[in-house]
Amino acid sequence: MFRRSLIALALAGSFFHVGSAAASVIVLDFEGAGNGVSLNNFYNGGTDGAGNSGTNYGISFGPNALSLIDGDAPGGTGNFANEPSPSTIMSFLTGTAVLNYAPGFTTGFSFFYSSSTVASVLVYDGLDATGNLLAQIDLIAQGVSNCSGDPTGRFCNWTPVGVSFAGTAKSIDFGGTVDQTGYDNITFGSATPGKLPEPASLALVGLGLGALLARRRKA
């Protein structure tokens, strides 16, 4: 079971962009959300079940969608490792995890996942997993095979997957076996999941901008 698997076993949500062409791409990394609590309106101008708030993207979650912090991080109980953006992911302990994005998104959708069982993720053009099915991503069981933790965590393989589609999507149904499937870096507007820059990379960008500004002042 994932409670003993994912749960035994927080930068707020980030806006990922590369140049103007990808300015509308949104990445949800769940950092700043609580451990084992409902995400609810964490990304919708409200809070998760523990009262934490993220960036307001107009994205809400059904009651089954939970945030889970790596057991190696303070306050965490998650039995996972090597997550693409430490230390928080999304999982669920009942039903499936449904995400609603009322403004809608186009072009593509992607994420990283870790699972001990097969699973499917469905993209719909209506809210609450209704309307027309625009895309389906079938997942294989890969999360617990041939890998080591960081330093601990049984679910330690994270695979990037994505899909392009026509139309405007407004909801996503994240399936899988409860307590056995986790998701991270959920990306809207791209078939390739975003991965946030490492702190060292951000520092280099800052130094580069500083040098450029200094040159302009001298000029």
C-alpha atoms as a PDB file:
ATOM      1  CA  MET A   1       0.000   0.000   0.000  1.00  0.00           C
ATOM      2  CA  PHE A   2       1.213   3.478  -0.850  1.00  0.00           C
ATOM      3  CA  ARG A   3       0.595   4.772   2.692  1.00  0.00           C
ATOM      4  CA  ARG A   4       3.276   2.361   3.652  1.00  0.00           C
ATOM      5  CA  SER A   5       4.683   2.782   0.198  1.00  0.00           C
ATOM      6  CA  LEU A   6       4.277   6.440  -0.627  1.00  0.00           C
ATOM      7  CA  ILE A   7       3.254   7.687   2.814  1.00  0.00           C
ATOM      8  CA  ALA A   8       5.271   5.498   5.152  1.00  0.00           C
ATOM      9  CA  LEU A   9       7.216   3.978   3.199  1.00  0.00           C
ATOM     10  CA  ALA A  10       7.335  22.434   0.984  1.00  0.00           C
ATOM     11  CA  LEU A  11       9.138  27.881  -3.694  1.00  0.00           C
ATOM     12  CA  ALA A  12       5.329  27.822  -4.144  1.00  0.00           C
ATOM     13  CA  GLY A  13       4.020  26.481  -7.500  1.00  0.00           C
ATOM     14  CA  SER A  14       6.259  27.798 -10.218  1.00  0.00           C
ATOM     15  CA  PHE A  15       5.729  29.413 -13.580  1.00  0.00           C
ATOM     16  CA  PHE A  16       8.153  27.749 -15.953  1.00  0.00           C
ATOM     17  CA  HIS A  17       9.060  29.526 -19.161  1.00  0.00           C
ATOM     18  CA  VAL A  18      11.781  29.473 -21.778  1.00  0.00           C
ATOM     19  CA  GLY A  19      11.623  32.534 -23.967  1.00  0.00           C
ATOM     20  CA  SER A  20       8.401  34.124 -25.168  1.00  0.00           C
ATOM     21  CA  ALA A  21       7.261  31.013 -27.064  1.00  0.00           C
ATOM     22  CA  ALA A  22       6.664  29.119 -23.809  1.00  0.00           C
ATOM     23  CA  ALA A  23       5.350  31.997 -21.723  1.00  0.00           C
ATOM     24  CA  SER A  24       2.000  30.252 -21.178  1.00  0.00           C
ATOM     25  CA  VAL A  25       3.472  26.974 -19.937  1.00  0.00           C
ATOM     26  CA  ILE A  26       2.616  26.290 -16.285  1.00  0.00           C
ATOM     27  CA  VAL A  27       4.393  23.752 -14.067  1.00  0.00           C
ATOM     28  CA  LEU A  28       2.946  22.577 -10.750  1.00  0.00           C
ATOM     29  CA  ASP A  29       5.705  21.262  -8.478  1.00  0.00           C
ATOM     30  CA  PHE A  30       3.595  21.243  -5.256  1.00  0.00           C
ATOM     31  CA  GLU A  31       6.391  22.769  -3.184  1.00  0.00           C
ATOM     32  CA  GLY A  32       4.991  24.601  -0.182  1.00  0.00           C
ATOM     33  CA  ALA A  33       1.943  22.354   0.172  1.00  0.00           C
ATOM     34  CA  GLY A  34       1.456  20.306   3.339  1.00  0.00           C
ATOM     35  CA  ASN A  35       2.176  16.654   4.009  1.00  0.00           C
ATOM     36  CA  GLY A  36      -0.695  14.233   3.430  1.00  0.00           C
ATOM     37  CA  VAL A  37      -3.331  16.962   3.064  1.00  0.00           C
ATOM     38  CA  SER A  38      -5.878  17.734   0.340  1.00  0.00           C
ATOM     39  CA  LEU A  39      -4.525  20.174  -2.251  1.00  0.00           C
ATOM     40  CA  ASN A  40      -7.965  21.749  -2.736  1.00  0.00           C
ATOM     41  CA  ASN A  41      -7.402  25.385  -3.840  1.00  0.00           C
ATOM     42  CA  PHE A  42      -3.655  25.605  -3.172  1.00  0.00           C
ATOM     43  CA  TYR A  43      -3.209  26.796  -6.793  1.00  0.00           C
ATOM     44  CA  ASN A  44      -6.565  28.588  -6.992  1.00  0.00           C
ATOM     45  CA  GLY A  45      -6.213  31.590  -4.722  1.00  0.00           C
ATOM     46  CA  GLY A  46      -7.109  29.554  -1.640  1.00  0.00           C
ATOM     47  CA  THR A  47      -5.359  26.993   0.543  1.00  0.00           C
ATOM     48  CA  ASP A  48      -4.668  23.306   0.930  1.00  0.00           C
ATOM     49  CA  GLY A  49      -6.032  21.294   3.855  1.00  0.00           C
ATOM     50  CA  ALA A  50      -3.300  22.661   6.123  1.00  0.00           C
ATOM     51  CA  GLY A  51      -3.850  26.325   5.228  1.00  0.00           C
ATOM     52  CA  ASN A  52      -0.887  26.699   2.833  1.00  0.00           C
ATOM     53  CA  SER A  53      -1.207  28.845  -0.311  1.00  0.00           C
ATOM     54  CA  GLY A  54       0.576  28.586  -3.654  1.00  0.00           C
ATOM     55  CA  THR A  55       0.530  30.701  -6.796  1.00  0.00           C
ATOM     56  CA  ASN A  56      -2.982  31.420  -8.066  1.00  0.00           C
ATOM     57  CA  TYR A  57      -3.174  29.761 -11.494  1.00  0.00           C
ATOM     58  CA  GLY A  58      -6.928  29.167 -11.348  1.00  0.00           C
ATOM     59  CA  ILE A  59      -6.292  25.438 -10.854  1.00  0.00           C
ATOM     60  CA  SER A  60      -8.258  23.468  -8.271  1.00  0.00           C
ATOM     61  CA  PHE A  61      -8.190  19.834  -7.142  1.00  0.00           C
ATOM     62  CA  GLY A  62     -10.860  17.381  -6.075  1.00  0.00           C
ATOM     63  CA  PRO A  63     -10.863  16.129  -2.468  1.00  0.00           C
ATOM     64  CA  ASN A  64      -8.885  12.959  -3.285  1.00  0.00           C
ATOM     65  CA  ALA A  65      -5.771  14.786  -4.524  1.00  0.00           C
ATOM     66  CA  LEU A  66      -3.159  14.980  -1.758  1.00  0.00           C
ATOM     67  CA  SER A  67       0.253  16.602  -1.460  1.00  0.00           C
ATOM     68  CA  LEU A  68       2.967  14.410   0.043  1.00  0.00           C
ATOM     69  CA  ILE A  69       6.434  15.417   1.256  1.00  0.00           C
ATOM     70  CA  ASP A  70       9.498  13.165   0.955  1.00  0.00           C
ATOM     71  CA  GLY A  71      10.271  11.355   4.216  1.00  0.00           C
ATOM     72  CA  ASP A  72      13.842  12.662   3.985  1.00  0.00           C
ATOM     73  CA  ALA A  73      12.572  16.265   4.224  1.00  0.00           C
ATOM     74  CA  PRO A  74      11.355  17.989   7.413  1.00  0.00           C
ATOM     75  CA  GLY A  75       7.771  17.058   8.195  1.00  0.00           C
ATOM     76  CA  GLY A  76       7.564  14.475   5.422  1.00  0.00           C
ATOM     77  CA  THR A  77       6.393  10.855   5.484  1.00  0.00           C
ATOM     78  CA  GLY A  78       6.570   9.982   1.787  1.00  0.00           C
ATOM     79  CA  ASN A  79       8.312   6.761   0.790  1.00  0.00           C
ATOM     80  CA  PHE A  80       9.761   8.106  -2.464  1.00  0.00           C
ATOM     81  CA  ALA A  81      13.114   9.330  -3.744  1.00  0.00           C
ATOM     82  CA  ASN A  82      14.722  11.148  -6.684  1.00  0.00           C
ATOM     83  CA  GLU A  83      11.598  13.246  -7.299  1.00  0.00           C
ATOM     84  CA  PRO A  84      12.177  15.760 -10.147  1.00  0.00           C
ATOM     85  CA  SER A  85      11.641  18.814  -7.924  1.00  0.00           C
ATOM     86  CA  PRO A  86      12.210  18.031  -4.250  1.00  0.00           C
ATOM     87  CA  SER A  87      10.467  17.471  -2.001  1.00  0.00           C
ATOM     88  CA  THR A  88       6.688  17.390  -2.634  1.00  0.00           C
ATOM     89  CA  ILE A  89       4.514  15.373  -5.015  1.00  0.00           C
ATOM     90  CA  MET A  90       0.813  14.651  -5.628  1.00  0.00           C
ATOM     91  CA  SER A  91      -0.821  11.329  -4.783  1.00  0.00           C
ATOM     92  CA  PHE A  92      -4.193   9.964  -3.628  1.00  0.00           C
ATOM     93  CA  LEU A  93      -5.558   7.410  -1.148  1.00  0.00           C
ATOM     94  CA  THR A  94      -9.056   6.932  -2.544  1.00  0.00           C
ATOM     95  CA  GLY A  95     -10.676   7.037  -5.984  1.00  0.00           C
ATOM     96  CA  THR A  96      -8.681   9.107  -8.456  1.00  0.00           C
ATOM     97  CA  ALA A  97      -7.191  12.613  -8.317  1.00  0.00           C
ATOM     98  CA  VAL A  98      -9.105  15.129 -10.446  1.00  0.00           C
ATOM     99  CA  LEU A  99      -7.706  18.520 -11.429  1.00  0.00           C
ATOM    100  CA  ASN A 100      -9.845  21.360 -12.816  1.00  0.00           C
ATOM    101  CA  TYR A 101      -8.529  24.272 -14.865  1.00  0.00           C
ATOM    102  CA  ALA A 102     -11.580  26.357 -15.815  1.00  0.00           C
ATOM    103  CA  PRO A 103      -9.765  28.760 -18.222  1.00  0.00           C
ATOM    104  CA  GLY A 104      -8.600  25.703 -20.151  1.00  0.00           C
ATOM    105  CA  PHE A 105      -5.299  24.876 -21.805  1.00  0.00           C
ATOM    106  CA  THR A 106      -4.244  23.753 -25.268  1.00  0.00           C
ATOM    107  CA  THR A 107      -1.339  22.220 -27.181  1.00  0.00           C
ATOM    108  CA  GLY A 108      -0.112  19.586 -24.732  1.00  0.00           C
ATOM    109  CA  PHE A 109       0.067  18.171 -21.250  1.00  0.00           C
ATOM    110  CA  SER A 110       2.843  16.308 -19.411  1.00  0.00           C
ATOM    111  CA  PHE A 111       4.242  15.240 -16.035  1.00  0.00           C
ATOM    112  CA  PHE A 112       6.628  12.930 -14.198  1.00  0.00           C
ATOM    113  CA  TYR A 113       5.224   9.850 -12.474  1.00  0.00           C
ATOM    114  CA  SER A 114       6.285   6.942 -10.280  1.00  0.00           C
ATOM    115  CA  SER A 115       4.044   3.878  -9.882  1.00  0.00           C
ATOM    116  CA  SER A 116       4.187   0.252  -8.790  1.00  0.00           C
ATOM    117  CA  THR A 117       1.133  -0.557 -10.953  1.00  0.00           C
ATOM    118  CA  VAL A 118      -0.220   0.330 -14.392  1.00  0.00           C
ATOM    119  CA  ALA A 119      -2.315   3.481 -14.534  1.00  0.00           C
ATOM    120  CA  SER A 120      -4.059   5.865 -16.935  1.00  0.00           C
ATOM    121  CA  VAL A 121      -4.372   9.645 -17.011  1.00  0.00           C
ATOM    122  CA  LEU A 122      -7.320  11.119 -18.929  1.00  0.00           C
ATOM    123  CA  VAL A 123      -7.675  14.653 -20.322  1.00  0.00           C
ATOM    124  CA  TYR A 124     -11.207  16.076 -20.809  1.00  0.00           C
ATOM    125  CA  ASP A 125     -12.682  19.232 -22.323  1.00  0.00           C
ATOM    126  CA  GLY A 126     -15.215  19.573 -19.471  1.00  0.00           C
ATOM    127  CA  LEU A 127     -14.760  20.178 -15.762  1.00  0.00           C
ATOM    128  CA  ASP A 128     -14.713  17.334 -13.223  1.00  0.00           C
ATOM    129  CA  ALA A 129     -13.553  14.740 -15.774  1.00  0.00           C
ATOM    130  CA  THR A 130     -16.604  15.209 -18.006  1.00  0.00           C
ATOM    131  CA  GLY A 131     -17.192  16.029 -21.657  1.00  0.00           C
ATOM    132  CA  ASN A 132     -15.081  14.737 -24.526  1.00  0.00           C
ATOM    133  CA  LEU A 133     -11.945  12.711 -23.921  1.00  0.00           C
ATOM    134  CA  LEU A 134      -9.139  14.664 -25.612  1.00  0.00           C
ATOM    135  CA  ALA A 135      -6.191  12.456 -24.677  1.00  0.00           C
ATOM    136  CA  GLN A 136      -5.207   9.399 -22.673  1.00  0.00           C
ATOM    137  CA  ILE A 137      -1.764   8.548 -21.302  1.00  0.00           C
ATOM    138  CA  ASP A 138      -1.231   4.934 -20.254  1.00  0.00           C
ATOM    139  CA  LEU A 139       1.451   4.396 -17.614  1.00  0.00           C
ATOM    140  CA  ILE A 140       3.505   1.297 -16.889  1.00  0.00           C
ATOM    141  CA  ALA A 141       4.637   0.011 -13.509  1.00  0.00           C
ATOM    142  CA  GLN A 142       8.186   1.354 -13.139  1.00  0.00           C
ATOM    143  CA  GLY A 143       8.486   3.159  -9.824  1.00  0.00           C
ATOM    144  CA  VAL A 144      10.217   0.588  -7.644  1.00  0.00           C
ATOM    145  CA  SER A 145      12.572  -1.162 -10.082  1.00  0.00           C
ATOM    146  CA  ASN A 146      16.375  -1.066 -10.114  1.00  0.00           C
ATOM    147  CA  CYS A 147      17.051   2.207  -8.363  1.00  0.00           C
ATOM    148  CA  SER A 148      18.309   3.591  -5.093  1.00  0.00           C
ATOM    149  CA  GLY A 149      16.921   6.266  -2.822  1.00  0.00           C
ATOM    150  CA  ASP A 150      18.094   9.699  -1.796  1.00  0.00           C
ATOM    151  CA  PRO A 151      19.031   8.217   0.715  1.00  0.00           C
ATOM    152  CA  THR A 152      15.736   6.360   1.266  1.00  0.00           C
ATOM    153  CA  GLY A 153      12.482   5.831  -0.571  1.00  0.00           C
ATOM    154  CA  ARG A 154      11.083   2.796  -2.378  1.00  0.00           C
ATOM    155  CA  PHE A 155       9.397   4.732  -5.201  1.00  0.00           C
ATOM    156  CA  CYS A 156      12.524   6.076  -6.829  1.00  0.00           C
ATOM    157  CA  ASN A 157      12.037   5.930 -10.610  1.00  0.00           C
ATOM    158  CA  TRP A 158      10.368   9.013 -12.112  1.00  0.00           C
ATOM    159  CA  THR A 159       9.466   8.885 -15.809  1.00  0.00           C
ATOM    160  CA  PRO A 160       8.548  11.933 -17.934  1.00  0.00           C
ATOM    161  CA  VAL A 161       5.500  11.438 -20.180  1.00  0.00           C
ATOM    162  CA  GLY A 162       3.311  13.754 -22.217  1.00  0.00           C
ATOM    163  CA  VAL A 163       0.792  14.080 -25.019  1.00  0.00           C
ATOM    164  CA  SER A 164      -0.298  16.639 -27.605  1.00  0.00           C
ATOM    165  CA  PHE A 165      -3.979  17.091 -28.393  1.00  0.00           C
ATOM    166  CA  ALA A 166      -6.483  19.210 -30.304  1.00  0.00           C
ATOM    167  CA  GLY A 167      -9.093  21.243 -28.483  1.00  0.00           C
ATOM    168  CA  THR A 168      -9.181  22.965 -25.105  1.00  0.00           C
ATOM    169  CA  ALA A 169      -8.775  20.833 -21.989  1.00  0.00           C
ATOM    170  CA  LYS A 170     -10.391  21.812 -18.681  1.00  0.00           C
ATOM    171  CA  SER A 171      -9.864  18.814 -16.409  1.00  0.00           C
ATOM    172  CA  ILE A 172      -7.566  15.841 -15.840  1.00  0.00           C
ATOM    173  CA  ASP A 173      -8.309  12.550 -14.130  1.00  0.00           C
ATOM    174  CA  PHE A 174      -5.131  11.078 -12.600  1.00  0.00           C
ATOM    175  CA  GLY A 175      -5.689   7.348 -12.167  1.00  0.00           C
ATOM    176  CA  GLY A 176      -3.744   4.448 -10.757  1.00  0.00           C
ATOM    177  CA  THR A 177      -3.877   2.234  -7.710  1.00  0.00           C
ATOM    178  CA  VAL A 178      -4.447   4.254  -4.543  1.00  0.00           C
ATOM    179  CA  ASP A 179      -1.300   4.762  -2.470  1.00  0.00           C
ATOM    180  CA  GLN A 180       0.785   3.300  -5.293  1.00  0.00           C
ATOM    181  CA  THR A 181       1.082   6.138  -7.828  1.00  0.00           C
ATOM    182  CA  GLY A 182       2.636   9.584  -7.499  1.00  0.00           C
ATOM    183  CA  TYR A 183       2.846  12.586  -9.840  1.00  0.00           C
ATOM    184  CA  ASP A 184       5.115  15.633 -10.007  1.00  0.00           C
ATOM    185  CA  ASN A 185       5.883  18.657 -12.204  1.00  0.00           C
ATOM    186  CA  ILE A 186       2.470  18.583 -13.848  1.00  0.00           C
ATOM    187  CA  THR A 187       2.871  20.770 -16.939  1.00  0.00           C
ATOM    188  CA  PHE A 188       0.194  22.556 -18.970  1.00  0.00           C
ATOM    189  CA  GLY A 189       0.756  23.744 -22.539  1.00  0.00           C
ATOM    190  CA  SER A 190       3.643  21.393 -23.386  1.00  0.00           C
ATOM    191  CA  ALA A 191       4.024  17.679 -24.164  1.00  0.00           C
ATOM    192  CA  THR A 192       7.376  17.788 -22.345  1.00  0.00           C
ATOM    193  CA  PRO A 193       7.255  18.218 -18.554  1.00  0.00           C
ATOM    194  CA  GLY A 194       9.016  21.232 -17.121  1.00  0.00           C
ATOM    195  CA  LYS A 195      11.809  20.820 -14.649  1.00  0.00           C
ATOM    196  CA  LEU A 196      12.644  23.794 -12.478  1.00  0.00           C
ATOM    197  CA  PRO A 197      16.160  25.266 -12.670  1.00  0.00           C
ATOM    198  CA  GLU A 198      18.607  24.189  -9.981  1.00  0.00           C
ATOM    199  CA  PRO A 199      19.564  26.936  -7.467  1.00  0.00           C
ATOM    200  CA  ALA A 200      23.087  27.034  -8.906  1.00  0.00           C
ATOM    201  CA  SER A 201      21.675  27.687 -12.377  1.00  0.00           C
ATOM    202  CA  LEU A 202      19.504  30.486 -11.028  1.00  0.00           C
ATOM    203  CA  ALA A 203      22.569  32.033  -9.384  1.00  0.00           C
ATOM    204  CA  LEU A 204      24.462  31.941 -12.685  1.00  0.00           C
ATOM    205  CA  VAL A 205      21.534  33.633 -14.430  1.00  0.00           C
ATOM    206  CA  GLY A 206      21.576  36.322 -11.751  1.00  0.00           C
ATOM    207  CA  LEU A 207      25.302  36.885 -12.210  1.00  0.00           C
ATOM    208  CA  GLY A 208      24.849  37.125 -15.965  1.00  0.00           C
ATOM    209  CA  LEU A 209      22.103  39.713 -15.638  1.00  0.00           C
ATOM    210  CA  GLY A 210      24.188  41.660 -13.139  1.00  0.00           C
ATOM    211  CA  ALA A 211      27.145  41.761 -15.518  1.00  0.00           C
ATOM    212  CA  LEU A 212      24.903  42.893 -18.370  1.00  0.00           C
ATOM    213  CA  LEU A 213      23.450  45.723 -16.284  1.00  0.00           C
ATOM    214  CA  ALA A 214      26.948  46.797 -15.217  1.00  0.00           C
ATOM    215  CA  ARG A 215      28.057  46.991 -18.854  1.00  0.00           C
ATOM    216  CA  ARG A 216      25.036  49.112 -19.736  1.00  0.00           C
ATOM    217  CA  ARG A 217      25.743  51.536 -16.871  1.00  0.00           C
ATOM    218  CA  LYS A 218      29.354  51.958 -18.063  1.00  0.00           C
ATOM    219  CA  ALA A 219      28.165  52.552 -21.600  1.00  0.00           C
END
